[in-house]
Amino acid sequence: MRVGLIKGRHEMPVKEYIFDSVGNVLNFKRMDDQITVWLYNHRHDIGDRLYVYTTGLTAVVAAVVKACYEMDIPLSLMQYDMTTGKYVEQEIRDKGGNKHETIGNHVD
């Protein structure tokens, strides 16, 4: 499943977002709760891996990584490459906790 992290911050090749807006990025509990609920509600749609197109807000990205780790959801962050105008996959974790990073895997 491919989703954007926050709607309206950047143009992304997705139709669905985890957050419509964030508000106070220092309200970590609220972000954690919202992400956990979103992941639980979409657990049957995620498939083999969740691809999250990021927006640059570190606290929100950290909350997604934390929630996926706690729920054992394979995660890749899609990072925007300003040089190429494409997204690059940063593979964070596989099922069962294996963590690694893929460098240079551009996605059109």
N, C-alpha and C. Protein backbone atom coordinates (compact mmCIF):
# COMPACT_ATOMS: atom_id res chain seq x y z
N MET A 1 0.85 -1.18 0.00
CA MET A 1 0.00 0.00 0.00
C MET A 1 0.89 1.24 0.00
N ARG A 2 0.54 2.22 -0.81
CA ARG A 2 1.29 3.47 -0.91
C ARG A 2 0.40 4.62 -0.43
N VAL A 3 0.91 5.37 0.56
CA VAL A 3 0.16 6.49 1.12
C VAL A 3 1.10 7.67 1.35
N GLY A 4 0.51 8.84 1.38
CA GLY A 4 1.26 10.03 1.76
C GLY A 4 1.18 10.22 3.27
N LEU A 5 2.16 10.89 3.81
CA LEU A 5 2.16 11.11 5.25
C LEU A 5 1.18 12.22 5.65
N ILE A 6 1.31 13.39 5.01
CA ILE A 6 0.45 14.52 5.35
C ILE A 6 -0.11 15.14 4.07
N LYS A 7 -1.40 15.22 4.00
CA LYS A 7 -2.09 15.76 2.82
C LYS A 7 -1.79 17.26 2.66
N GLY A 8 -1.51 17.65 1.42
CA GLY A 8 -1.39 19.07 1.10
C GLY A 8 -0.03 19.70 1.33
N ARG A 9 0.93 18.96 1.88
CA ARG A 9 2.26 19.56 2.11
C ARG A 9 3.11 19.56 0.84
N HIS A 10 3.02 18.48 0.07
CA HIS A 10 3.78 18.34 -1.17
C HIS A 10 2.95 17.51 -2.14
N GLU A 11 3.21 17.66 -3.41
CA GLU A 11 2.55 16.82 -4.40
C GLU A 11 3.14 15.41 -4.32
N MET A 12 2.27 14.43 -4.24
CA MET A 12 2.71 13.04 -4.11
C MET A 12 1.88 12.15 -5.02
N PRO A 13 2.45 11.04 -5.49
CA PRO A 13 1.73 10.13 -6.39
C PRO A 13 0.83 9.15 -5.63
N VAL A 14 -0.01 9.69 -4.73
CA VAL A 14 -0.91 8.85 -3.93
C VAL A 14 -2.28 9.51 -3.85
N LYS A 15 -3.26 8.71 -3.45
CA LYS A 15 -4.62 9.23 -3.27
C LYS A 15 -5.01 9.29 -1.80
N GLU A 16 -4.31 8.54 -0.97
CA GLU A 16 -4.67 8.45 0.44
C GLU A 16 -3.52 8.94 1.32
N TYR A 17 -3.89 9.52 2.46
CA TYR A 17 -2.91 10.08 3.40
C TYR A 17 -3.21 9.60 4.81
N ILE A 18 -2.16 9.49 5.61
CA ILE A 18 -2.34 9.12 7.02
C ILE A 18 -2.90 10.31 7.78
N PHE A 19 -2.41 11.50 7.51
CA PHE A 19 -2.90 12.72 8.17
C PHE A 19 -3.48 13.67 7.14
N ASP A 20 -4.64 14.26 7.45
CA ASP A 20 -5.14 15.38 6.66
C ASP A 20 -4.37 16.64 7.04
N SER A 21 -4.07 16.77 8.32
CA SER A 21 -3.24 17.85 8.86
C SER A 21 -2.68 17.35 10.18
N VAL A 22 -1.62 18.01 10.67
CA VAL A 22 -0.96 17.52 11.88
C VAL A 22 -1.22 18.41 13.08
N GLY A 23 -1.23 19.71 12.89
CA GLY A 23 -1.37 20.61 14.04
C GLY A 23 -0.04 20.69 14.79
N ASN A 24 -0.08 20.51 16.08
CA ASN A 24 1.11 20.62 16.92
C ASN A 24 1.98 19.37 16.75
N VAL A 25 3.13 19.52 16.09
CA VAL A 25 4.01 18.38 15.85
C VAL A 25 4.72 17.92 17.11
N LEU A 26 4.55 18.64 18.20
CA LEU A 26 5.15 18.22 19.47
C LEU A 26 4.16 17.46 20.34
N ASN A 27 2.95 17.27 19.85
CA ASN A 27 1.96 16.46 20.57
C ASN A 27 2.15 15.01 20.12
N PHE A 28 3.21 14.39 20.64
CA PHE A 28 3.61 13.06 20.20
C PHE A 28 2.55 12.00 20.49
N LYS A 29 1.90 12.08 21.62
CA LYS A 29 0.88 11.09 21.97
C LYS A 29 -0.27 11.11 20.96
N ARG A 30 -0.72 12.30 20.59
CA ARG A 30 -1.82 12.41 19.63
C ARG A 30 -1.41 11.83 18.28
N MET A 31 -0.18 12.15 17.85
CA MET A 31 0.30 11.61 16.57
C MET A 31 0.41 10.08 16.64
N ASP A 32 0.99 9.58 17.73
CA ASP A 32 1.12 8.12 17.90
C ASP A 32 -0.24 7.45 17.85
N ASP A 33 -1.19 8.02 18.57
CA ASP A 33 -2.54 7.44 18.60
C ASP A 33 -3.19 7.45 17.23
N GLN A 34 -3.07 8.57 16.51
CA GLN A 34 -3.70 8.68 15.20
C GLN A 34 -3.08 7.70 14.21
N ILE A 35 -1.77 7.56 14.24
CA ILE A 35 -1.10 6.63 13.33
C ILE A 35 -1.48 5.19 13.67
N THR A 36 -1.51 4.86 14.94
CA THR A 36 -1.87 3.50 15.36
C THR A 36 -3.28 3.15 14.91
N VAL A 37 -4.21 4.07 15.08
CA VAL A 37 -5.59 3.84 14.64
C VAL A 37 -5.64 3.69 13.13
N TRP A 38 -4.93 4.56 12.40
CA TRP A 38 -4.92 4.47 10.94
C TRP A 38 -4.37 3.12 10.49
N LEU A 39 -3.24 2.70 11.07
CA LEU A 39 -2.65 1.41 10.70
C LEU A 39 -3.58 0.25 11.03
N TYR A 40 -4.22 0.30 12.17
CA TYR A 40 -5.15 -0.76 12.55
C TYR A 40 -6.32 -0.82 11.57
N ASN A 41 -6.87 0.33 11.22
CA ASN A 41 -8.01 0.38 10.31
C ASN A 41 -7.66 -0.06 8.89
N HIS A 42 -6.39 0.05 8.51
CA HIS A 42 -5.96 -0.31 7.16
C HIS A 42 -5.12 -1.59 7.13
N ARG A 43 -5.08 -2.33 8.21
CA ARG A 43 -4.20 -3.50 8.32
C ARG A 43 -4.45 -4.54 7.22
N HIS A 44 -5.68 -4.63 6.73
CA HIS A 44 -5.98 -5.62 5.69
C HIS A 44 -5.66 -5.10 4.28
N ASP A 45 -5.41 -3.80 4.18
CA ASP A 45 -5.11 -3.19 2.88
C ASP A 45 -3.61 -3.02 2.63
N ILE A 46 -2.80 -3.12 3.67
CA ILE A 46 -1.37 -2.81 3.58
C ILE A 46 -0.63 -3.78 2.68
N GLY A 47 -0.97 -5.03 2.72
CA GLY A 47 -0.27 -6.02 1.89
C GLY A 47 1.09 -6.37 2.48
N ASP A 48 2.07 -6.58 1.60
CA ASP A 48 3.40 -7.02 2.03
C ASP A 48 4.23 -5.90 2.66
N ARG A 49 3.92 -4.65 2.33
CA ARG A 49 4.75 -3.54 2.79
C ARG A 49 3.95 -2.25 2.71
N LEU A 50 4.21 -1.35 3.65
CA LEU A 50 3.63 -0.01 3.62
C LEU A 50 4.67 0.95 3.09
N TYR A 51 4.33 1.68 2.03
CA TYR A 51 5.20 2.70 1.45
C TYR A 51 4.62 4.05 1.83
N VAL A 52 5.37 4.83 2.60
CA VAL A 52 4.89 6.13 3.07
C VAL A 52 5.72 7.23 2.41
N TYR A 53 5.05 8.09 1.65
CA TYR A 53 5.70 9.24 1.01
C TYR A 53 5.80 10.34 2.07
N THR A 54 7.03 10.73 2.37
CA THR A 54 7.29 11.63 3.49
C THR A 54 7.16 13.09 3.10
N THR A 55 7.09 13.93 4.13
CA THR A 55 6.90 15.36 3.92
C THR A 55 7.97 16.20 4.61
N GLY A 56 8.89 15.58 5.29
CA GLY A 56 9.97 16.32 5.92
C GLY A 56 9.77 16.68 7.37
N LEU A 57 8.64 16.40 7.95
CA LEU A 57 8.43 16.66 9.38
C LEU A 57 8.97 15.47 10.18
N THR A 58 10.13 15.65 10.77
CA THR A 58 10.84 14.57 11.44
C THR A 58 10.01 13.88 12.51
N ALA A 59 9.31 14.64 13.34
CA ALA A 59 8.53 14.05 14.43
C ALA A 59 7.44 13.13 13.89
N VAL A 60 6.83 13.50 12.78
CA VAL A 60 5.76 12.69 12.20
C VAL A 60 6.34 11.42 11.56
N VAL A 61 7.46 11.57 10.87
CA VAL A 61 8.13 10.42 10.27
C VAL A 61 8.55 9.44 11.37
N ALA A 62 9.12 9.97 12.46
CA ALA A 62 9.54 9.11 13.57
C ALA A 62 8.35 8.37 14.16
N ALA A 63 7.20 9.02 14.24
CA ALA A 63 6.01 8.37 14.79
C ALA A 63 5.54 7.22 13.91
N VAL A 64 5.64 7.38 12.59
CA VAL A 64 5.25 6.29 11.67
C VAL A 64 6.21 5.12 11.81
N VAL A 65 7.50 5.40 11.86
CA VAL A 65 8.50 4.34 12.02
C VAL A 65 8.25 3.58 13.32
N LYS A 66 8.02 4.31 14.39
CA LYS A 66 7.75 3.71 15.71
C LYS A 66 6.52 2.81 15.66
N ALA A 67 5.43 3.31 15.10
CA ALA A 67 4.18 2.53 15.06
C ALA A 67 4.34 1.27 14.21
N CYS A 68 5.00 1.39 13.06
CA CYS A 68 5.20 0.21 12.21
C CYS A 68 6.09 -0.81 12.90
N TYR A 69 7.08 -0.35 13.62
CA TYR A 69 7.94 -1.26 14.38
C TYR A 69 7.12 -2.00 15.43
N GLU A 70 6.32 -1.25 16.19
CA GLU A 70 5.52 -1.85 17.26
C GLU A 70 4.47 -2.82 16.73
N MET A 71 3.95 -2.56 15.52
CA MET A 71 2.89 -3.40 14.95
C MET A 71 3.43 -4.43 13.96
N ASP A 72 4.76 -4.52 13.83
CA ASP A 72 5.43 -5.47 12.94
C ASP A 72 4.95 -5.32 11.49
N ILE A 73 4.92 -4.08 11.01
CA ILE A 73 4.50 -3.78 9.65
C ILE A 73 5.74 -3.42 8.84
N PRO A 74 6.04 -4.16 7.78
CA PRO A 74 7.16 -3.81 6.92
C PRO A 74 6.96 -2.40 6.35
N LEU A 75 8.02 -1.59 6.40
CA LEU A 75 7.90 -0.17 6.07
C LEU A 75 9.02 0.29 5.15
N SER A 76 8.63 1.07 4.15
CA SER A 76 9.58 1.82 3.33
C SER A 76 9.13 3.27 3.31
N LEU A 77 10.08 4.17 3.55
CA LEU A 77 9.81 5.60 3.42
C LEU A 77 10.20 6.02 2.02
N MET A 78 9.35 6.78 1.39
CA MET A 78 9.64 7.28 0.05
C MET A 78 10.08 8.74 0.20
N GLN A 79 11.38 8.96 -0.07
CA GLN A 79 12.00 10.27 0.13
C GLN A 79 12.13 10.97 -1.22
N TYR A 80 11.80 12.25 -1.26
CA TYR A 80 11.85 13.01 -2.50
C TYR A 80 13.29 13.42 -2.81
N ASP A 81 13.73 13.15 -4.03
CA ASP A 81 15.06 13.53 -4.50
C ASP A 81 14.90 14.79 -5.36
N MET A 82 15.33 15.93 -4.83
CA MET A 82 15.16 17.21 -5.53
C MET A 82 15.96 17.26 -6.83
N THR A 83 17.03 16.50 -6.93
CA THR A 83 17.87 16.49 -8.13
C THR A 83 17.16 15.84 -9.30
N THR A 84 16.52 14.71 -9.05
CA THR A 84 15.87 13.96 -10.13
C THR A 84 14.37 14.22 -10.24
N GLY A 85 13.78 14.74 -9.17
CA GLY A 85 12.33 14.95 -9.16
C GLY A 85 11.56 13.67 -8.94
N LYS A 86 12.25 12.63 -8.48
CA LYS A 86 11.62 11.34 -8.23
C LYS A 86 11.72 10.99 -6.75
N TYR A 87 10.94 10.00 -6.36
CA TYR A 87 11.02 9.50 -4.99
C TYR A 87 11.99 8.33 -4.92
N VAL A 88 12.72 8.24 -3.82
CA VAL A 88 13.69 7.18 -3.58
C VAL A 88 13.22 6.37 -2.38
N GLU A 89 13.24 5.05 -2.53
CA GLU A 89 12.80 4.17 -1.44
C GLU A 89 13.90 4.03 -0.39
N GLN A 90 13.52 4.26 0.87
CA GLN A 90 14.38 3.99 2.01
C GLN A 90 13.71 2.86 2.79
N GLU A 91 14.19 1.64 2.60
CA GLU A 91 13.58 0.49 3.24
C GLU A 91 14.00 0.47 4.71
N ILE A 92 13.03 0.57 5.60
CA ILE A 92 13.32 0.68 7.03
C ILE A 92 13.30 -0.66 7.72
N ARG A 93 12.27 -1.45 7.45
CA ARG A 93 12.20 -2.74 8.15
C ARG A 93 11.37 -3.74 7.35
N ASP A 94 11.73 -5.00 7.55
CA ASP A 94 10.98 -6.11 6.98
C ASP A 94 10.17 -6.78 8.08
N LYS A 95 9.31 -7.67 7.69
CA LYS A 95 8.53 -8.45 8.66
C LYS A 95 9.49 -9.19 9.60
N GLY A 96 9.18 -9.17 10.87
CA GLY A 96 10.00 -9.88 11.84
C GLY A 96 11.16 -9.06 12.38
N GLY A 97 11.28 -7.80 11.96
CA GLY A 97 12.25 -6.92 12.57
C GLY A 97 13.56 -6.71 11.83
N ASN A 98 13.76 -7.34 10.69
CA ASN A 98 14.99 -7.09 9.95
C ASN A 98 14.98 -5.66 9.44
N LYS A 99 16.04 -4.92 9.76
CA LYS A 99 16.10 -3.51 9.38
C LYS A 99 17.27 -3.30 8.44
N HIS A 100 17.03 -2.57 7.37
CA HIS A 100 18.09 -2.21 6.45
C HIS A 100 17.64 -1.07 5.57
N GLU A 101 18.56 -0.52 4.81
CA GLU A 101 18.25 0.62 3.96
C GLU A 101 18.63 0.31 2.52
N THR A 102 17.76 0.65 1.61
CA THR A 102 18.06 0.53 0.19
C THR A 102 18.40 1.92 -0.33
N ILE A 103 19.54 2.07 -0.96
CA ILE A 103 19.98 3.36 -1.46
C ILE A 103 19.87 3.37 -2.98
N GLY A 104 19.29 4.45 -3.51
CA GLY A 104 19.29 4.65 -4.94
C GLY A 104 18.19 3.94 -5.71
N ASN A 105 17.18 3.44 -5.05
CA ASN A 105 16.09 2.77 -5.73
C ASN A 105 15.02 3.81 -6.10
N HIS A 106 15.19 4.49 -7.23
CA HIS A 106 14.26 5.53 -7.64
C HIS A 106 12.94 4.95 -8.12
N VAL A 107 11.88 5.66 -7.79
CA VAL A 107 10.55 5.27 -8.21
C VAL A 107 9.95 6.42 -9.00
N ASP A 108 9.45 6.12 -10.18
CA ASP A 108 8.83 7.18 -11.01
C ASP A 108 7.46 7.52 -10.51
